[in-house]
Structure formats: structure tokens, C-alpha cells
N, C-alpha and C. Protein backbone atom coordinates (compact mmCIF):
# COMPACT_ATOMS: atom_id res chain seq x y z
N MET A 1 0.85 -1.20 0.00
CA MET A 1 0.00 0.00 0.00
C MET A 1 0.89 1.24 0.00
N ASN A 2 0.65 2.15 -0.96
CA ASN A 2 1.46 3.37 -1.02
C ASN A 2 0.87 4.44 -0.11
N ASN A 3 1.55 5.57 -0.02
CA ASN A 3 1.13 6.63 0.91
C ASN A 3 -0.25 7.17 0.61
N VAL A 4 -0.54 7.38 -0.68
CA VAL A 4 -1.82 7.98 -1.05
C VAL A 4 -2.99 7.08 -0.64
N GLU A 5 -2.80 5.78 -0.76
CA GLU A 5 -3.85 4.83 -0.37
C GLU A 5 -4.14 4.88 1.13
N LYS A 6 -3.19 5.37 1.91
CA LYS A 6 -3.36 5.43 3.36
C LYS A 6 -4.06 6.72 3.83
N PHE A 7 -4.20 7.70 2.95
CA PHE A 7 -4.82 8.96 3.36
C PHE A 7 -6.27 8.74 3.78
N PRO A 8 -6.73 9.44 4.83
CA PRO A 8 -8.14 9.33 5.23
C PRO A 8 -9.04 9.82 4.09
N ASN A 9 -10.03 8.99 3.72
CA ASN A 9 -10.83 9.32 2.54
C ASN A 9 -12.33 9.45 2.82
N SER A 10 -12.66 9.78 4.05
CA SER A 10 -14.08 9.96 4.38
C SER A 10 -14.56 11.37 4.06
N ASP A 11 -13.61 12.29 3.87
CA ASP A 11 -13.95 13.68 3.60
C ASP A 11 -12.93 14.27 2.63
N ILE A 12 -13.38 14.93 1.57
CA ILE A 12 -12.47 15.45 0.55
C ILE A 12 -11.53 16.51 1.13
N GLY A 13 -12.00 17.30 2.09
CA GLY A 13 -11.14 18.32 2.69
C GLY A 13 -9.98 17.71 3.44
N ILE A 14 -10.25 16.68 4.22
CA ILE A 14 -9.20 16.00 4.98
C ILE A 14 -8.24 15.29 4.03
N PHE A 15 -8.79 14.64 2.99
CA PHE A 15 -7.96 13.98 1.99
C PHE A 15 -7.06 14.99 1.29
N ALA A 16 -7.62 16.15 0.95
CA ALA A 16 -6.86 17.21 0.28
C ALA A 16 -5.70 17.68 1.17
N ASP A 17 -5.97 17.86 2.46
CA ASP A 17 -4.91 18.29 3.37
C ASP A 17 -3.76 17.30 3.37
N ALA A 18 -4.08 16.00 3.42
CA ALA A 18 -3.04 14.96 3.44
C ALA A 18 -2.29 14.94 2.11
N TYR A 19 -3.03 15.07 1.01
CA TYR A 19 -2.42 15.03 -0.32
C TYR A 19 -1.47 16.21 -0.51
N PHE A 20 -1.94 17.40 -0.16
CA PHE A 20 -1.10 18.59 -0.33
C PHE A 20 0.13 18.55 0.56
N GLU A 21 -0.02 18.05 1.77
CA GLU A 21 1.11 17.94 2.68
C GLU A 21 2.16 16.98 2.12
N TYR A 22 1.68 15.86 1.55
CA TYR A 22 2.59 14.89 0.97
C TYR A 22 3.29 15.47 -0.26
N LEU A 23 2.54 16.16 -1.09
CA LEU A 23 3.10 16.78 -2.29
C LEU A 23 4.18 17.80 -1.91
N LYS A 24 3.93 18.56 -0.86
CA LYS A 24 4.92 19.54 -0.39
C LYS A 24 6.20 18.84 0.05
N LYS A 25 6.06 17.69 0.72
CA LYS A 25 7.25 16.95 1.16
C LYS A 25 8.07 16.49 -0.04
N ILE A 26 7.41 15.98 -1.08
CA ILE A 26 8.12 15.53 -2.28
C ILE A 26 8.86 16.70 -2.92
N LEU A 27 8.18 17.84 -3.01
CA LEU A 27 8.79 19.03 -3.61
C LEU A 27 9.97 19.53 -2.77
N ASP A 28 9.82 19.50 -1.45
CA ASP A 28 10.90 19.93 -0.57
C ASP A 28 12.14 19.05 -0.73
N ASP A 29 11.92 17.76 -1.06
CA ASP A 29 13.02 16.81 -1.18
C ASP A 29 13.72 16.84 -2.53
N LEU A 30 13.19 17.58 -3.51
CA LEU A 30 13.84 17.64 -4.81
C LEU A 30 15.23 18.26 -4.67
N ASP A 31 16.19 17.68 -5.35
CA ASP A 31 17.56 18.15 -5.28
C ASP A 31 17.72 19.42 -6.11
N ARG A 32 18.03 20.51 -5.46
CA ARG A 32 18.12 21.81 -6.14
C ARG A 32 19.31 21.89 -7.09
N GLU A 33 20.40 21.21 -6.76
CA GLU A 33 21.56 21.24 -7.64
C GLU A 33 21.27 20.51 -8.95
N THR A 34 20.55 19.40 -8.87
CA THR A 34 20.15 18.68 -10.08
C THR A 34 19.22 19.54 -10.92
N LEU A 35 18.30 20.23 -10.26
CA LEU A 35 17.40 21.15 -10.95
C LEU A 35 18.21 22.23 -11.68
N ARG A 36 19.22 22.75 -11.03
CA ARG A 36 20.08 23.78 -11.64
C ARG A 36 20.79 23.21 -12.87
N GLN A 37 21.31 22.00 -12.76
CA GLN A 37 22.01 21.36 -13.89
C GLN A 37 21.05 21.13 -15.06
N PHE A 38 19.83 20.72 -14.75
CA PHE A 38 18.81 20.49 -15.77
C PHE A 38 18.55 21.79 -16.55
N VAL A 39 18.36 22.87 -15.83
CA VAL A 39 18.09 24.17 -16.46
C VAL A 39 19.28 24.61 -17.29
N MET A 40 20.50 24.40 -16.81
CA MET A 40 21.69 24.80 -17.56
C MET A 40 21.79 24.03 -18.87
N GLU A 41 21.38 22.77 -18.87
CA GLU A 41 21.39 21.99 -20.11
C GLU A 41 20.38 22.52 -21.12
N ILE A 42 19.22 22.93 -20.62
CA ILE A 42 18.19 23.50 -21.50
C ILE A 42 18.68 24.81 -22.11
N LEU A 43 19.31 25.64 -21.29
CA LEU A 43 19.85 26.91 -21.78
C LEU A 43 20.99 26.68 -22.78
N ALA A 44 21.84 25.70 -22.50
CA ALA A 44 22.94 25.40 -23.41
C ALA A 44 22.42 24.89 -24.74
N ALA A 45 21.34 24.10 -24.71
CA ALA A 45 20.73 23.61 -25.95
C ALA A 45 20.22 24.78 -26.78
N ARG A 46 19.57 25.74 -26.12
CA ARG A 46 19.08 26.91 -26.84
C ARG A 46 20.24 27.70 -27.45
N ASP A 47 21.30 27.87 -26.67
CA ASP A 47 22.43 28.67 -27.14
C ASP A 47 23.09 28.07 -28.39
N ARG A 48 23.10 26.75 -28.49
CA ARG A 48 23.73 26.13 -29.67
C ARG A 48 22.72 25.78 -30.77
N GLY A 49 21.46 26.20 -30.57
CA GLY A 49 20.43 25.97 -31.58
C GLY A 49 19.95 24.55 -31.66
N ALA A 50 20.14 23.79 -30.58
CA ALA A 50 19.74 22.38 -30.56
C ALA A 50 18.24 22.24 -30.29
N THR A 51 17.72 21.10 -30.67
CA THR A 51 16.32 20.78 -30.41
C THR A 51 16.22 19.90 -29.17
N VAL A 52 15.22 20.17 -28.35
CA VAL A 52 14.93 19.34 -27.17
C VAL A 52 13.70 18.51 -27.49
N PHE A 53 13.87 17.19 -27.52
CA PHE A 53 12.77 16.27 -27.78
C PHE A 53 12.24 15.75 -26.45
N LEU A 54 10.92 15.59 -26.37
CA LEU A 54 10.27 15.11 -25.14
C LEU A 54 9.48 13.84 -25.44
N ILE A 55 9.57 12.88 -24.50
CA ILE A 55 8.85 11.63 -24.67
C ILE A 55 8.25 11.18 -23.34
N GLY A 56 7.16 10.44 -23.42
CA GLY A 56 6.48 9.91 -22.24
C GLY A 56 5.25 9.14 -22.67
N ASN A 57 4.67 8.40 -21.76
CA ASN A 57 3.47 7.62 -22.03
C ASN A 57 2.34 8.08 -21.10
N GLY A 58 1.11 7.95 -21.58
CA GLY A 58 -0.04 8.26 -20.74
C GLY A 58 -0.04 9.69 -20.27
N GLY A 59 -0.19 9.89 -18.95
CA GLY A 59 -0.16 11.23 -18.39
C GLY A 59 1.16 11.93 -18.67
N SER A 60 2.24 11.17 -18.73
CA SER A 60 3.55 11.76 -19.03
C SER A 60 3.64 12.22 -20.48
N ALA A 61 2.88 11.59 -21.38
CA ALA A 61 2.82 12.05 -22.77
C ALA A 61 2.17 13.43 -22.81
N ALA A 62 1.11 13.60 -22.01
CA ALA A 62 0.46 14.90 -21.93
C ALA A 62 1.40 15.95 -21.33
N THR A 63 2.18 15.55 -20.35
CA THR A 63 3.15 16.47 -19.75
C THR A 63 4.21 16.86 -20.78
N ALA A 64 4.63 15.91 -21.62
CA ALA A 64 5.59 16.22 -22.68
C ALA A 64 5.03 17.27 -23.63
N SER A 65 3.76 17.13 -23.99
CA SER A 65 3.10 18.12 -24.86
C SER A 65 3.05 19.48 -24.18
N HIS A 66 2.75 19.46 -22.89
CA HIS A 66 2.63 20.70 -22.12
C HIS A 66 3.99 21.41 -22.04
N PHE A 67 5.06 20.64 -21.82
CA PHE A 67 6.41 21.19 -21.82
C PHE A 67 6.70 21.89 -23.15
N ALA A 68 6.41 21.19 -24.26
CA ALA A 68 6.70 21.75 -25.58
C ALA A 68 5.97 23.07 -25.79
N ASN A 69 4.72 23.12 -25.38
CA ASN A 69 3.94 24.35 -25.50
C ASN A 69 4.54 25.46 -24.65
N ASP A 70 4.81 25.17 -23.39
CA ASP A 70 5.26 26.21 -22.46
C ASP A 70 6.64 26.74 -22.79
N PHE A 71 7.53 25.88 -23.28
CA PHE A 71 8.88 26.34 -23.58
C PHE A 71 8.96 27.02 -24.93
N CYS A 72 8.26 26.51 -25.93
CA CYS A 72 8.29 27.14 -27.25
C CYS A 72 7.58 28.50 -27.25
N PHE A 73 6.45 28.57 -26.56
CA PHE A 73 5.61 29.76 -26.66
C PHE A 73 5.41 30.49 -25.34
N GLY A 74 5.46 29.77 -24.22
CA GLY A 74 5.21 30.39 -22.92
C GLY A 74 6.38 31.15 -22.35
N THR A 75 7.59 30.87 -22.85
CA THR A 75 8.76 31.57 -22.32
C THR A 75 8.93 32.94 -22.96
N ASP A 76 8.13 33.19 -23.99
CA ASP A 76 8.12 34.51 -24.65
C ASP A 76 9.52 34.88 -25.14
N SER A 77 10.23 33.89 -25.69
CA SER A 77 11.59 34.11 -26.17
C SER A 77 11.60 33.97 -27.69
N ARG A 78 11.47 35.09 -28.39
CA ARG A 78 11.37 35.05 -29.85
C ARG A 78 12.71 35.25 -30.54
N GLU A 79 13.55 36.11 -29.98
CA GLU A 79 14.83 36.37 -30.62
C GLU A 79 15.74 35.14 -30.57
N LYS A 80 15.68 34.42 -29.45
CA LYS A 80 16.47 33.20 -29.30
C LYS A 80 15.56 32.15 -28.68
N PRO A 81 14.71 31.51 -29.49
CA PRO A 81 13.67 30.63 -28.95
C PRO A 81 14.19 29.27 -28.50
N PHE A 82 13.43 28.67 -27.60
CA PHE A 82 13.66 27.28 -27.23
C PHE A 82 12.97 26.42 -28.28
N LYS A 83 13.69 25.42 -28.78
CA LYS A 83 13.13 24.52 -29.79
C LYS A 83 12.77 23.19 -29.11
N PHE A 84 11.52 23.08 -28.70
CA PHE A 84 11.03 21.89 -28.02
C PHE A 84 10.04 21.16 -28.93
N ILE A 85 10.20 19.85 -29.06
CA ILE A 85 9.27 19.03 -29.84
C ILE A 85 8.87 17.82 -29.01
N SER A 86 7.56 17.64 -28.83
CA SER A 86 7.06 16.45 -28.15
C SER A 86 6.83 15.36 -29.19
N LEU A 87 7.49 14.23 -29.02
CA LEU A 87 7.33 13.11 -29.94
C LEU A 87 6.09 12.28 -29.63
N THR A 88 5.27 12.77 -28.70
CA THR A 88 4.04 12.06 -28.33
C THR A 88 2.82 12.57 -29.10
N ASP A 89 3.00 13.62 -29.90
CA ASP A 89 1.84 14.36 -30.41
C ASP A 89 1.29 13.90 -31.75
N ASN A 90 2.06 13.18 -32.54
CA ASN A 90 1.60 12.79 -33.87
C ASN A 90 1.03 11.37 -33.82
N VAL A 91 -0.29 11.28 -33.72
CA VAL A 91 -0.96 9.98 -33.58
C VAL A 91 -0.71 9.11 -34.80
N ALA A 92 -0.71 9.71 -35.99
CA ALA A 92 -0.47 8.93 -37.21
C ALA A 92 0.91 8.29 -37.17
N SER A 93 1.93 9.05 -36.78
CA SER A 93 3.28 8.50 -36.70
C SER A 93 3.38 7.42 -35.64
N ILE A 94 2.84 7.69 -34.46
CA ILE A 94 2.93 6.72 -33.37
C ILE A 94 2.22 5.42 -33.73
N SER A 95 1.03 5.51 -34.32
CA SER A 95 0.28 4.30 -34.66
C SER A 95 0.95 3.54 -35.81
N ALA A 96 1.50 4.27 -36.78
CA ALA A 96 2.20 3.61 -37.89
C ALA A 96 3.45 2.90 -37.39
N LEU A 97 4.26 3.61 -36.61
CA LEU A 97 5.49 3.01 -36.10
C LEU A 97 5.22 1.87 -35.14
N GLY A 98 4.19 2.04 -34.29
CA GLY A 98 3.81 0.96 -33.38
C GLY A 98 3.36 -0.28 -34.14
N ASN A 99 2.61 -0.07 -35.20
CA ASN A 99 2.10 -1.17 -36.00
C ASN A 99 3.22 -1.86 -36.77
N ASP A 100 4.11 -1.07 -37.35
CA ASP A 100 5.15 -1.63 -38.23
C ASP A 100 6.37 -2.17 -37.48
N TYR A 101 6.73 -1.53 -36.35
CA TYR A 101 7.96 -1.91 -35.65
C TYR A 101 7.73 -2.40 -34.22
N GLY A 102 6.59 -2.06 -33.64
CA GLY A 102 6.34 -2.37 -32.24
C GLY A 102 6.35 -1.10 -31.42
N TYR A 103 5.49 -1.05 -30.39
CA TYR A 103 5.33 0.18 -29.61
C TYR A 103 6.62 0.60 -28.92
N GLU A 104 7.50 -0.34 -28.64
CA GLU A 104 8.74 0.02 -27.96
C GLU A 104 9.68 0.86 -28.83
N TYR A 105 9.37 0.97 -30.14
CA TYR A 105 10.24 1.73 -31.04
C TYR A 105 9.60 3.03 -31.56
N VAL A 106 8.46 3.43 -31.01
CA VAL A 106 7.76 4.61 -31.55
C VAL A 106 8.56 5.91 -31.38
N PHE A 107 9.41 5.97 -30.37
CA PHE A 107 10.20 7.19 -30.17
C PHE A 107 11.56 7.09 -30.87
N VAL A 108 12.18 5.91 -30.83
CA VAL A 108 13.47 5.72 -31.50
C VAL A 108 13.35 6.04 -32.98
N LYS A 109 12.32 5.53 -33.62
CA LYS A 109 12.17 5.72 -35.06
C LYS A 109 11.98 7.20 -35.41
N GLN A 110 11.32 7.95 -34.55
CA GLN A 110 11.20 9.38 -34.79
C GLN A 110 12.54 10.09 -34.60
N LEU A 111 13.28 9.69 -33.57
CA LEU A 111 14.59 10.29 -33.33
C LEU A 111 15.55 10.02 -34.49
N GLU A 112 15.46 8.84 -35.08
CA GLU A 112 16.34 8.51 -36.20
C GLU A 112 16.17 9.50 -37.35
N VAL A 113 14.96 9.99 -37.54
CA VAL A 113 14.66 10.90 -38.64
C VAL A 113 14.87 12.36 -38.25
N LEU A 114 14.48 12.72 -37.02
CA LEU A 114 14.40 14.14 -36.65
C LEU A 114 15.60 14.68 -35.88
N SER A 115 16.31 13.83 -35.17
CA SER A 115 17.34 14.34 -34.26
C SER A 115 18.70 14.45 -34.91
N SER A 116 19.56 15.26 -34.28
CA SER A 116 20.95 15.42 -34.70
C SER A 116 21.84 15.37 -33.48
N ARG A 117 23.09 15.06 -33.71
CA ARG A 117 24.08 15.08 -32.63
C ARG A 117 24.07 16.46 -31.97
N GLY A 118 24.09 16.49 -30.65
CA GLY A 118 24.05 17.75 -29.92
C GLY A 118 22.66 18.13 -29.44
N ASP A 119 21.64 17.41 -29.91
CA ASP A 119 20.29 17.65 -29.42
C ASP A 119 20.14 17.11 -28.00
N VAL A 120 18.96 17.29 -27.42
CA VAL A 120 18.67 16.85 -26.06
C VAL A 120 17.38 16.03 -26.06
N LEU A 121 17.36 14.97 -25.29
CA LEU A 121 16.16 14.14 -25.13
C LEU A 121 15.74 14.18 -23.67
N VAL A 122 14.47 14.55 -23.44
CA VAL A 122 13.91 14.55 -22.08
C VAL A 122 12.87 13.45 -21.99
N GLY A 123 13.11 12.49 -21.12
CA GLY A 123 12.16 11.41 -20.87
C GLY A 123 11.41 11.67 -19.58
N ILE A 124 10.08 11.57 -19.66
CA ILE A 124 9.23 11.82 -18.50
C ILE A 124 8.52 10.51 -18.17
N SER A 125 8.77 9.98 -16.98
CA SER A 125 8.22 8.67 -16.64
C SER A 125 8.19 8.48 -15.13
N ALA A 126 7.05 8.04 -14.61
CA ALA A 126 6.96 7.75 -13.18
C ALA A 126 7.86 6.57 -12.82
N SER A 127 7.74 5.47 -13.58
CA SER A 127 8.51 4.26 -13.26
C SER A 127 9.93 4.31 -13.79
N GLY A 128 10.14 5.00 -14.91
CA GLY A 128 11.45 5.01 -15.54
C GLY A 128 11.80 3.73 -16.26
N ASN A 129 10.82 2.86 -16.45
CA ASN A 129 11.10 1.55 -17.05
C ASN A 129 10.35 1.27 -18.34
N SER A 130 9.66 2.25 -18.90
CA SER A 130 8.91 2.02 -20.14
C SER A 130 9.88 1.66 -21.26
N PRO A 131 9.66 0.50 -21.93
CA PRO A 131 10.61 0.07 -22.97
C PRO A 131 10.82 1.09 -24.08
N ASN A 132 9.77 1.81 -24.47
CA ASN A 132 9.97 2.77 -25.58
C ASN A 132 10.85 3.95 -25.15
N LEU A 133 10.80 4.34 -23.89
CA LEU A 133 11.69 5.39 -23.41
C LEU A 133 13.11 4.86 -23.24
N VAL A 134 13.25 3.65 -22.73
CA VAL A 134 14.57 3.05 -22.52
C VAL A 134 15.29 2.90 -23.86
N HIS A 135 14.58 2.40 -24.89
CA HIS A 135 15.18 2.26 -26.22
C HIS A 135 15.61 3.62 -26.77
N ALA A 136 14.78 4.64 -26.56
CA ALA A 136 15.10 5.98 -27.04
C ALA A 136 16.34 6.53 -26.34
N PHE A 137 16.44 6.30 -25.04
CA PHE A 137 17.61 6.79 -24.28
C PHE A 137 18.88 6.09 -24.75
N ARG A 138 18.78 4.81 -25.01
CA ARG A 138 19.97 4.08 -25.48
C ARG A 138 20.41 4.59 -26.84
N TYR A 139 19.44 4.81 -27.73
CA TYR A 139 19.76 5.36 -29.04
C TYR A 139 20.41 6.74 -28.89
N ALA A 140 19.82 7.57 -28.07
CA ALA A 140 20.33 8.93 -27.88
C ALA A 140 21.77 8.91 -27.35
N SER A 141 22.02 8.09 -26.36
CA SER A 141 23.36 8.00 -25.76
C SER A 141 24.40 7.58 -26.78
N GLU A 142 24.00 6.73 -27.71
CA GLU A 142 24.93 6.22 -28.73
C GLU A 142 25.11 7.20 -29.89
N ASN A 143 24.29 8.26 -29.93
CA ASN A 143 24.32 9.16 -31.07
C ASN A 143 24.52 10.63 -30.69
N GLY A 144 25.18 10.85 -29.55
CA GLY A 144 25.58 12.20 -29.17
C GLY A 144 24.44 13.11 -28.76
N ILE A 145 23.38 12.51 -28.23
CA ILE A 145 22.22 13.28 -27.76
C ILE A 145 22.19 13.21 -26.24
N LYS A 146 22.16 14.36 -25.59
CA LYS A 146 22.16 14.42 -24.12
C LYS A 146 20.82 13.90 -23.60
N CYS A 147 20.84 13.10 -22.55
CA CYS A 147 19.63 12.50 -21.98
C CYS A 147 19.33 13.10 -20.61
N LEU A 148 18.14 13.67 -20.50
CA LEU A 148 17.64 14.19 -19.23
C LEU A 148 16.37 13.44 -18.88
N ALA A 149 16.09 13.28 -17.59
CA ALA A 149 14.90 12.52 -17.19
C ALA A 149 14.20 13.16 -16.01
N LEU A 150 12.89 13.00 -16.01
CA LEU A 150 12.05 13.30 -14.85
C LEU A 150 11.43 11.96 -14.45
N THR A 151 11.71 11.52 -13.24
CA THR A 151 11.25 10.20 -12.81
C THR A 151 10.57 10.25 -11.45
N GLY A 152 10.02 9.12 -11.07
CA GLY A 152 9.45 8.92 -9.74
C GLY A 152 9.76 7.50 -9.29
N PHE A 153 9.02 7.01 -8.29
CA PHE A 153 9.20 5.65 -7.78
C PHE A 153 10.69 5.41 -7.46
N SER A 154 11.29 4.37 -8.03
CA SER A 154 12.72 4.11 -7.80
C SER A 154 13.60 4.79 -8.84
N GLY A 155 12.99 5.35 -9.87
CA GLY A 155 13.74 5.97 -10.96
C GLY A 155 13.95 5.05 -12.14
N GLY A 156 13.95 3.74 -11.87
CA GLY A 156 14.06 2.74 -12.93
C GLY A 156 15.30 2.88 -13.80
N LYS A 157 15.20 2.34 -15.02
CA LYS A 157 16.34 2.32 -15.94
C LYS A 157 16.69 3.72 -16.45
N LEU A 158 15.69 4.58 -16.57
CA LEU A 158 15.98 5.93 -17.06
C LEU A 158 16.93 6.66 -16.14
N LYS A 159 16.78 6.46 -14.85
CA LYS A 159 17.66 7.12 -13.88
C LYS A 159 19.11 6.69 -14.10
N GLU A 160 19.29 5.43 -14.48
CA GLU A 160 20.63 4.91 -14.74
C GLU A 160 21.19 5.42 -16.07
N LEU A 161 20.32 5.54 -17.08
CA LEU A 161 20.76 5.91 -18.42
C LEU A 161 20.88 7.41 -18.63
N SER A 162 20.26 8.19 -17.78
CA SER A 162 20.19 9.64 -17.97
C SER A 162 21.47 10.33 -17.52
N ASP A 163 21.80 11.41 -18.22
CA ASP A 163 22.93 12.24 -17.79
C ASP A 163 22.54 13.07 -16.57
N ILE A 164 21.29 13.53 -16.54
CA ILE A 164 20.77 14.31 -15.41
C ILE A 164 19.34 13.85 -15.15
N THR A 165 19.04 13.49 -13.91
CA THR A 165 17.70 13.05 -13.56
C THR A 165 17.16 13.87 -12.39
N ILE A 166 16.01 14.50 -12.60
CA ILE A 166 15.27 15.10 -11.49
C ILE A 166 14.31 14.03 -11.01
N HIS A 167 14.55 13.57 -9.79
CA HIS A 167 13.82 12.41 -9.28
C HIS A 167 12.86 12.80 -8.16
N ALA A 168 11.58 12.51 -8.38
CA ALA A 168 10.57 12.72 -7.34
C ALA A 168 10.54 11.48 -6.45
N GLN A 169 10.82 11.66 -5.17
CA GLN A 169 10.88 10.53 -4.24
C GLN A 169 9.46 10.09 -3.87
N THR A 170 8.92 9.17 -4.68
CA THR A 170 7.56 8.66 -4.45
C THR A 170 7.61 7.15 -4.38
N GLN A 171 6.55 6.58 -3.81
CA GLN A 171 6.48 5.13 -3.73
C GLN A 171 5.87 4.55 -5.00
N GLN A 172 6.15 3.27 -5.21
CA GLN A 172 5.62 2.55 -6.37
C GLN A 172 4.10 2.74 -6.47
N GLY A 173 3.65 3.12 -7.65
CA GLY A 173 2.21 3.26 -7.89
C GLY A 173 1.64 4.64 -7.60
N GLU A 174 2.46 5.55 -7.11
CA GLU A 174 1.97 6.90 -6.80
C GLU A 174 2.07 7.80 -8.03
N TYR A 175 1.27 7.48 -9.02
CA TYR A 175 1.31 8.22 -10.29
C TYR A 175 0.87 9.67 -10.12
N GLY A 176 -0.20 9.88 -9.35
CA GLY A 176 -0.72 11.23 -9.18
C GLY A 176 0.31 12.20 -8.65
N PRO A 177 0.89 11.97 -7.48
CA PRO A 177 1.90 12.89 -6.95
C PRO A 177 3.14 13.01 -7.85
N THR A 178 3.56 11.90 -8.45
CA THR A 178 4.73 11.95 -9.34
C THR A 178 4.47 12.86 -10.53
N GLU A 179 3.33 12.65 -11.18
CA GLU A 179 3.01 13.46 -12.35
C GLU A 179 2.71 14.91 -11.97
N ASP A 180 2.17 15.13 -10.77
CA ASP A 180 1.98 16.49 -10.28
C ASP A 180 3.32 17.22 -10.20
N VAL A 181 4.31 16.57 -9.63
CA VAL A 181 5.63 17.17 -9.48
C VAL A 181 6.23 17.48 -10.86
N HIS A 182 6.10 16.55 -11.79
CA HIS A 182 6.64 16.77 -13.14
C HIS A 182 5.98 17.98 -13.81
N MET A 183 4.68 18.13 -13.60
CA MET A 183 3.97 19.25 -14.19
C MET A 183 4.37 20.56 -13.51
N ILE A 184 4.57 20.51 -12.20
CA ILE A 184 5.05 21.70 -11.48
C ILE A 184 6.43 22.10 -11.99
N LEU A 185 7.29 21.11 -12.26
CA LEU A 185 8.63 21.41 -12.79
C LEU A 185 8.54 22.11 -14.14
N ASP A 186 7.60 21.70 -14.97
CA ASP A 186 7.38 22.39 -16.24
C ASP A 186 7.11 23.87 -16.01
N HIS A 187 6.15 24.16 -15.14
CA HIS A 187 5.78 25.56 -14.88
C HIS A 187 6.87 26.31 -14.13
N LEU A 188 7.53 25.64 -13.21
CA LEU A 188 8.62 26.26 -12.46
C LEU A 188 9.74 26.70 -13.40
N ILE A 189 10.22 25.76 -14.22
CA ILE A 189 11.37 26.05 -15.08
C ILE A 189 11.01 27.04 -16.19
N SER A 190 9.86 26.84 -16.83
CA SER A 190 9.49 27.74 -17.93
C SER A 190 9.25 29.16 -17.42
N ASN A 191 8.65 29.29 -16.24
CA ASN A 191 8.47 30.63 -15.66
C ASN A 191 9.79 31.26 -15.25
N PHE A 192 10.67 30.45 -14.70
CA PHE A 192 12.00 30.96 -14.33
C PHE A 192 12.72 31.50 -15.57
N LEU A 193 12.66 30.73 -16.66
CA LEU A 193 13.35 31.14 -17.89
C LEU A 193 12.67 32.35 -18.53
N ARG A 194 11.39 32.48 -18.33
CA ARG A 194 10.69 33.63 -18.90
C ARG A 194 11.02 34.92 -18.17
N TYR A 195 11.10 34.84 -16.85
CA TYR A 195 11.22 36.06 -16.06
C TYR A 195 12.63 36.33 -15.53
N SER A 196 13.54 35.37 -15.67
CA SER A 196 14.89 35.61 -15.16
C SER A 196 15.65 36.56 -16.09
N ARG A 197 16.59 37.28 -15.52
CA ARG A 197 17.37 38.25 -16.29
C ARG A 197 18.85 37.88 -16.23
């Protein structure tokens, strides 16, 4: 049984208090130095004109799309824009590649066509063990693409394969708090980059 399952659930207000308190603890435990390194990699990618690709499944796929929107357009950086592309957004490509090669290759096959040496790959995953993300990270590592990850639970294989991992300390199965933290990181970093001088 994970922490969320233990929260008192007879009243939404009491449940909310427990949930918010737990979420605050996870956020407090995030490593600030790793966060700083993550941001520096994003800035370095922009400075060299590199593309940042984002991948994830399920709720993390939606977070990847949200990142791409917020960094490309929400940072209000037109003279020197952030080039973010979510590889989760083209249903035709994903379904074709999944059908022809297998779902574990839907991101690798896109990277083979779209990416270049010096680009950055951001994997977003609660478990860190999704085969399609793991294959993409291995491809990226072998082809001069920097690997960054947002993980939860134990961090899984992505934590091992990533150059920089922002890890949310959550228990197995706590998708809600993990994905909440990842979404907060999107807004935190994109707002910082928009308003910092």
C-alpha cells in the first residue's frame, strides 16, 4: 500500500490536506543542484540551436506536450527561442510506427529521422522503465544526444541511463503525486526562464 492509499478518505477536505502535505514533502526533497544542472542543459541547448525532444506515455505524454507548449511559446523568447518538440503528439506517426515496428520503437524511429548530434532528449516517466523510453535513451546516448529525465518511484532504468535526472521521491504506484511534481517542474522552469534576467 502506497502513501496515497493510506490517506483518510471519508472527507475530501481531509484527503486534500493529506495530499497537499505529501506533495509539499516531495517538492521539498527535490535536489536543487540537479534542478540547476537540468536548467543549464536546457539553456545550453538553446544557445547552440539544438532541439529538445520530449517523450512519455499516458499522463507523461500529456506532460511532454505541455512542456513543448510552455517552452516554445510560454517563455516569450522570440529572438532566441527554445526549440522543443514532443514526440508524443503525432498519432499517425505513433500508430504507424507501433504497427510496423512495435510500440517500444515509436520514439526511436522518430529520433532517427528528426534528431541530430548535440540535441537533447527529455524522458518523463513515473517508473522510468517504459521500454519505448529506454530504447530511445539508449539510441540517444549512442548518437551524441544528451539524456535528461524526470522520474518517480525508484527511478528505474531511465535514472541509470540519464545524464541528469530530477527524481521525485515517491512510492511505487503513486502516479498522481509523481506526475503532479513533473507538471510543477514544467511551470517552475518555464516561468524561471521567462522572467529571469
